[in-house]
C-alpha cells in the first residue's frame, strides 16, 4: 500500500518530496510514504528520527484530530519527533515550513 501511495501522491506531497529528496534538504535522506507499523508516514528521516506529516482538511475534524493525536503519541513513544504541516502552509508558505524544519 505504501508503494501505491508513493506513486499516487498529492500535489502537496509531490512538492515536499521535490524539496526533500536526494538529500536536497540539509543533506538529510528522507523516505517517502514510509511504513512505521501500523502507520504509513508521509516523510521519514532515519538519521534524525524526524517524521513529517502533511495534513489536509480531513484532519480538521474531531475524528481526524483524535486520530492524529493517537498517531503522534505512538510515534513519539518510539523516540521519534513528529511534525505536522497543513497543506495550505506547504503550498503558500513553503519557505516558512522549510525554515521551521
N, C-alpha and C. Protein backbone atom coordinates (compact mmCIF):
# COMPACT_ATOMS: atom_id res chain seq x y z
N UNK A 1 0.82 -1.20 0.00
CA UNK A 1 0.00 0.00 0.00
C UNK A 1 0.87 1.26 0.00
N UNK A 2 1.97 1.25 0.75
CA UNK A 2 2.86 2.41 0.80
C UNK A 2 3.42 2.69 -0.59
N UNK A 3 3.75 1.64 -1.33
CA UNK A 3 4.29 1.81 -2.68
C UNK A 3 3.27 2.47 -3.60
N UNK A 4 2.02 2.06 -3.49
CA UNK A 4 0.95 2.69 -4.28
C UNK A 4 0.81 4.15 -3.90
N UNK A 5 0.87 4.44 -2.60
CA UNK A 5 0.75 5.82 -2.13
C UNK A 5 1.88 6.69 -2.67
N UNK A 6 3.08 6.12 -2.78
CA UNK A 6 4.21 6.88 -3.31
C UNK A 6 3.97 7.30 -4.76
N UNK A 7 3.34 6.44 -5.52
CA UNK A 7 3.13 6.77 -6.93
C UNK A 7 1.86 7.58 -7.16
N UNK A 8 1.04 7.73 -6.15
CA UNK A 8 -0.20 8.50 -6.29
C UNK A 8 -0.26 9.65 -5.29
N UNK A 9 0.87 10.33 -5.09
CA UNK A 9 0.94 11.41 -4.11
C UNK A 9 0.11 12.61 -4.51
N UNK A 10 -0.27 13.37 -3.51
CA UNK A 10 -0.99 14.62 -3.76
C UNK A 10 -0.01 15.66 -4.29
N UNK A 11 -0.54 16.76 -4.81
CA UNK A 11 0.35 17.81 -5.30
C UNK A 11 1.22 18.38 -4.17
N UNK A 12 0.70 18.41 -2.97
CA UNK A 12 1.47 18.91 -1.82
C UNK A 12 2.58 17.93 -1.46
N UNK A 13 2.27 16.64 -1.44
CA UNK A 13 3.30 15.63 -1.16
C UNK A 13 4.37 15.65 -2.24
N UNK A 14 3.97 15.81 -3.48
CA UNK A 14 4.95 15.87 -4.57
C UNK A 14 5.86 17.09 -4.45
N UNK A 15 5.30 18.23 -4.08
CA UNK A 15 6.12 19.43 -3.87
C UNK A 15 7.12 19.20 -2.74
N UNK A 16 6.64 18.69 -1.62
CA UNK A 16 7.53 18.47 -0.48
C UNK A 16 8.60 17.45 -0.83
N UNK A 17 8.25 16.43 -1.58
CA UNK A 17 9.22 15.41 -1.98
C UNK A 17 10.31 16.04 -2.84
N UNK A 18 9.97 16.94 -3.72
CA UNK A 18 10.98 17.60 -4.55
C UNK A 18 11.96 18.40 -3.68
N UNK A 19 11.48 18.93 -2.58
CA UNK A 19 12.32 19.71 -1.68
C UNK A 19 13.20 18.84 -0.78
N UNK A 20 12.73 17.62 -0.48
CA UNK A 20 13.44 16.76 0.47
C UNK A 20 14.30 15.69 -0.18
N UNK A 21 13.93 15.25 -1.35
CA UNK A 21 14.57 14.07 -1.95
C UNK A 21 16.03 14.32 -2.32
N UNK A 22 16.75 13.22 -2.46
CA UNK A 22 18.17 13.24 -2.87
C UNK A 22 19.03 14.15 -1.99
N UNK A 23 18.68 14.20 -0.72
CA UNK A 23 19.44 14.99 0.26
C UNK A 23 19.49 16.48 -0.08
N UNK A 24 18.42 16.99 -0.74
CA UNK A 24 18.36 18.42 -1.06
C UNK A 24 18.21 19.28 0.19
N UNK A 25 17.60 18.73 1.21
CA UNK A 25 17.35 19.50 2.43
C UNK A 25 18.41 19.15 3.47
N UNK A 26 19.27 20.08 3.73
CA UNK A 26 20.40 19.99 4.67
C UNK A 26 21.09 18.63 4.67
N UNK A 27 21.21 18.06 3.50
CA UNK A 27 21.95 16.82 3.28
C UNK A 27 21.41 15.63 4.08
N UNK A 28 20.10 15.64 4.35
CA UNK A 28 19.47 14.52 5.07
C UNK A 28 18.70 13.65 4.09
N UNK A 29 18.73 12.36 4.31
CA UNK A 29 18.00 11.41 3.47
C UNK A 29 16.60 11.19 4.05
N UNK A 30 15.60 11.46 3.23
CA UNK A 30 14.21 11.23 3.63
C UNK A 30 13.63 10.09 2.82
N UNK A 31 12.71 9.38 3.43
CA UNK A 31 11.94 8.34 2.76
C UNK A 31 10.51 8.84 2.65
N UNK A 32 9.88 8.50 1.54
CA UNK A 32 8.52 8.95 1.29
C UNK A 32 7.55 7.79 1.53
N UNK A 33 6.41 8.09 2.19
CA UNK A 33 5.40 7.08 2.49
C UNK A 33 6.06 5.86 3.12
N UNK A 34 6.70 6.09 4.24
CA UNK A 34 7.48 5.07 4.94
C UNK A 34 6.61 4.36 5.98
N UNK A 35 6.72 3.04 6.04
CA UNK A 35 5.94 2.25 6.99
C UNK A 35 6.63 2.26 8.36
N UNK A 36 5.89 2.72 9.34
CA UNK A 36 6.25 2.56 10.75
C UNK A 36 5.00 1.91 11.35
N UNK A 37 4.98 0.61 11.27
CA UNK A 37 3.78 -0.17 11.54
C UNK A 37 3.17 0.18 12.89
N UNK A 38 1.88 0.41 12.91
CA UNK A 38 0.86 0.14 11.91
C UNK A 38 0.57 1.32 10.98
N UNK A 39 1.41 2.33 10.97
CA UNK A 39 1.13 3.54 10.20
C UNK A 39 2.05 3.65 8.98
N UNK A 40 1.64 4.50 8.06
CA UNK A 40 2.48 4.93 6.95
C UNK A 40 2.61 6.43 7.09
N UNK A 41 3.84 6.90 7.30
CA UNK A 41 4.06 8.32 7.49
C UNK A 41 4.43 8.96 6.15
N UNK A 42 4.13 10.24 6.02
CA UNK A 42 4.39 10.92 4.74
C UNK A 42 5.88 10.96 4.42
N UNK A 43 6.69 11.44 5.37
CA UNK A 43 8.14 11.53 5.15
C UNK A 43 8.85 11.16 6.44
N UNK A 44 9.98 10.47 6.28
CA UNK A 44 10.72 10.00 7.45
C UNK A 44 12.21 10.12 7.19
N UNK A 45 12.93 10.66 8.17
CA UNK A 45 14.39 10.74 8.14
C UNK A 45 14.92 9.86 9.27
N UNK A 46 15.53 8.75 8.89
CA UNK A 46 16.05 7.80 9.88
C UNK A 46 17.18 8.42 10.71
N UNK A 47 18.03 9.22 10.07
CA UNK A 47 19.19 9.81 10.78
C UNK A 47 18.77 10.65 11.97
N UNK A 48 17.68 11.38 11.83
CA UNK A 48 17.26 12.30 12.89
C UNK A 48 16.02 11.81 13.65
N UNK A 49 15.38 10.76 13.13
CA UNK A 49 14.15 10.28 13.75
C UNK A 49 13.00 11.25 13.55
N UNK A 50 13.03 11.99 12.44
CA UNK A 50 12.01 13.00 12.16
C UNK A 50 10.94 12.45 11.23
N UNK A 51 9.70 12.63 11.62
CA UNK A 51 8.54 12.28 10.81
C UNK A 51 7.84 13.58 10.43
N UNK A 52 7.58 13.74 9.14
CA UNK A 52 6.85 14.91 8.66
C UNK A 52 5.52 14.44 8.11
N UNK A 53 4.45 15.01 8.62
CA UNK A 53 3.11 14.68 8.16
C UNK A 53 2.48 15.93 7.54
N UNK A 54 1.84 15.75 6.39
CA UNK A 54 1.15 16.83 5.70
C UNK A 54 -0.34 16.59 5.83
N UNK A 55 -1.05 17.60 6.31
CA UNK A 55 -2.46 17.43 6.65
C UNK A 55 -3.37 18.28 5.78
N UNK A 56 -4.39 17.64 5.24
CA UNK A 56 -5.45 18.32 4.52
C UNK A 56 -6.66 18.50 5.42
N UNK A 57 -7.75 18.94 4.84
CA UNK A 57 -8.95 19.25 5.60
C UNK A 57 -9.53 18.10 6.39
N UNK A 58 -9.33 16.86 5.95
CA UNK A 58 -9.87 15.71 6.67
C UNK A 58 -9.27 15.59 8.07
N UNK A 59 -8.15 16.23 8.30
CA UNK A 59 -7.50 16.19 9.62
C UNK A 59 -8.10 17.23 10.56
N UNK A 60 -8.93 18.13 10.03
CA UNK A 60 -9.50 19.19 10.84
C UNK A 60 -10.93 18.86 11.25
N UNK A 61 -11.16 17.60 11.57
CA UNK A 61 -12.43 17.14 12.12
C UNK A 61 -12.15 16.56 13.49
N UNK A 62 -13.18 16.35 14.26
CA UNK A 62 -12.97 15.77 15.59
C UNK A 62 -12.29 14.40 15.50
N UNK A 63 -12.77 13.55 14.60
CA UNK A 63 -12.15 12.23 14.42
C UNK A 63 -10.74 12.34 13.88
N UNK A 64 -10.52 13.23 12.94
CA UNK A 64 -9.19 13.41 12.36
C UNK A 64 -8.18 13.89 13.39
N UNK A 65 -8.58 14.84 14.20
CA UNK A 65 -7.68 15.35 15.25
C UNK A 65 -7.36 14.27 16.27
N UNK A 66 -8.37 13.49 16.66
CA UNK A 66 -8.16 12.42 17.65
C UNK A 66 -7.21 11.36 17.08
N UNK A 67 -7.40 11.00 15.83
CA UNK A 67 -6.53 10.03 15.18
C UNK A 67 -5.10 10.54 15.12
N UNK A 68 -4.93 11.82 14.78
CA UNK A 68 -3.60 12.40 14.69
C UNK A 68 -2.90 12.44 16.05
N UNK A 69 -3.64 12.73 17.10
CA UNK A 69 -3.05 12.73 18.45
C UNK A 69 -2.57 11.33 18.80
N UNK A 70 -3.40 10.33 18.54
CA UNK A 70 -3.03 8.94 18.83
C UNK A 70 -1.79 8.53 18.03
N UNK A 71 -1.78 8.89 16.79
CA UNK A 71 -0.67 8.55 15.89
C UNK A 71 0.63 9.23 16.35
N UNK A 72 0.54 10.50 16.67
CA UNK A 72 1.71 11.26 17.13
C UNK A 72 2.24 10.67 18.44
N UNK A 73 1.36 10.33 19.36
CA UNK A 73 1.79 9.73 20.62
C UNK A 73 2.50 8.40 20.38
N UNK A 74 2.00 7.60 19.46
CA UNK A 74 2.63 6.34 19.13
C UNK A 74 4.05 6.57 18.59
N UNK A 75 4.18 7.49 17.65
CA UNK A 75 5.49 7.78 17.05
C UNK A 75 6.46 8.33 18.09
N UNK A 76 5.99 9.22 18.94
CA UNK A 76 6.86 9.80 19.97
C UNK A 76 7.27 8.75 21.00
N UNK A 77 6.40 7.77 21.27
CA UNK A 77 6.75 6.68 22.19
C UNK A 77 7.90 5.84 21.63
N UNK A 78 8.08 5.86 20.32
CA UNK A 78 9.21 5.17 19.69
C UNK A 78 10.48 6.02 19.68
N UNK A 79 10.38 7.23 20.24
CA UNK A 79 11.53 8.12 20.27
C UNK A 79 11.65 9.00 19.04
N UNK A 80 10.61 9.04 18.22
CA UNK A 80 10.63 9.85 17.01
C UNK A 80 10.04 11.22 17.29
N UNK A 81 10.39 12.18 16.45
CA UNK A 81 9.81 13.51 16.52
C UNK A 81 8.86 13.66 15.34
N UNK A 82 7.61 13.94 15.62
CA UNK A 82 6.61 14.09 14.57
C UNK A 82 6.19 15.55 14.47
N UNK A 83 6.26 16.08 13.25
CA UNK A 83 5.80 17.44 13.00
C UNK A 83 4.72 17.39 11.92
N UNK A 84 3.76 18.30 12.03
CA UNK A 84 2.64 18.32 11.11
C UNK A 84 2.53 19.71 10.49
N UNK A 85 2.21 19.71 9.21
CA UNK A 85 2.00 20.96 8.49
C UNK A 85 0.73 20.86 7.68
N UNK A 86 -0.03 21.93 7.66
CA UNK A 86 -1.22 21.99 6.82
C UNK A 86 -0.78 22.09 5.37
N UNK A 87 -1.53 21.44 4.49
CA UNK A 87 -1.24 21.51 3.06
C UNK A 87 -1.16 22.95 2.58
N UNK A 88 -2.06 23.79 3.06
CA UNK A 88 -2.07 25.20 2.64
C UNK A 88 -0.78 25.91 3.02
N UNK A 89 -0.18 25.55 4.15
CA UNK A 89 1.10 26.16 4.55
C UNK A 89 2.24 25.69 3.66
N UNK A 90 2.23 24.40 3.31
CA UNK A 90 3.28 23.89 2.43
C UNK A 90 3.21 24.58 1.07
N UNK A 91 2.00 24.80 0.58
CA UNK A 91 1.83 25.44 -0.73
C UNK A 91 2.09 26.94 -0.67
N UNK A 92 1.58 27.61 0.36
CA UNK A 92 1.65 29.08 0.41
C UNK A 92 2.81 29.65 1.19
N UNK A 93 3.34 28.88 2.11
CA UNK A 93 4.42 29.35 2.99
C UNK A 93 5.57 28.36 2.99
N UNK A 94 5.94 27.90 1.81
CA UNK A 94 6.95 26.84 1.68
C UNK A 94 8.24 27.18 2.40
N UNK A 95 8.75 28.39 2.19
CA UNK A 95 9.99 28.79 2.84
C UNK A 95 9.87 28.76 4.36
N UNK A 96 8.73 29.15 4.89
CA UNK A 96 8.50 29.13 6.33
C UNK A 96 8.48 27.73 6.89
N UNK A 97 7.90 26.80 6.13
CA UNK A 97 7.86 25.39 6.55
C UNK A 97 9.29 24.84 6.58
N UNK A 98 10.05 25.12 5.54
CA UNK A 98 11.45 24.63 5.50
C UNK A 98 12.28 25.27 6.60
N UNK A 99 12.07 26.54 6.87
CA UNK A 99 12.80 27.21 7.95
C UNK A 99 12.43 26.57 9.29
N UNK A 100 11.16 26.26 9.48
CA UNK A 100 10.72 25.62 10.73
C UNK A 100 11.38 24.25 10.90
N UNK A 101 11.48 23.51 9.80
CA UNK A 101 12.13 22.21 9.87
C UNK A 101 13.60 22.36 10.25
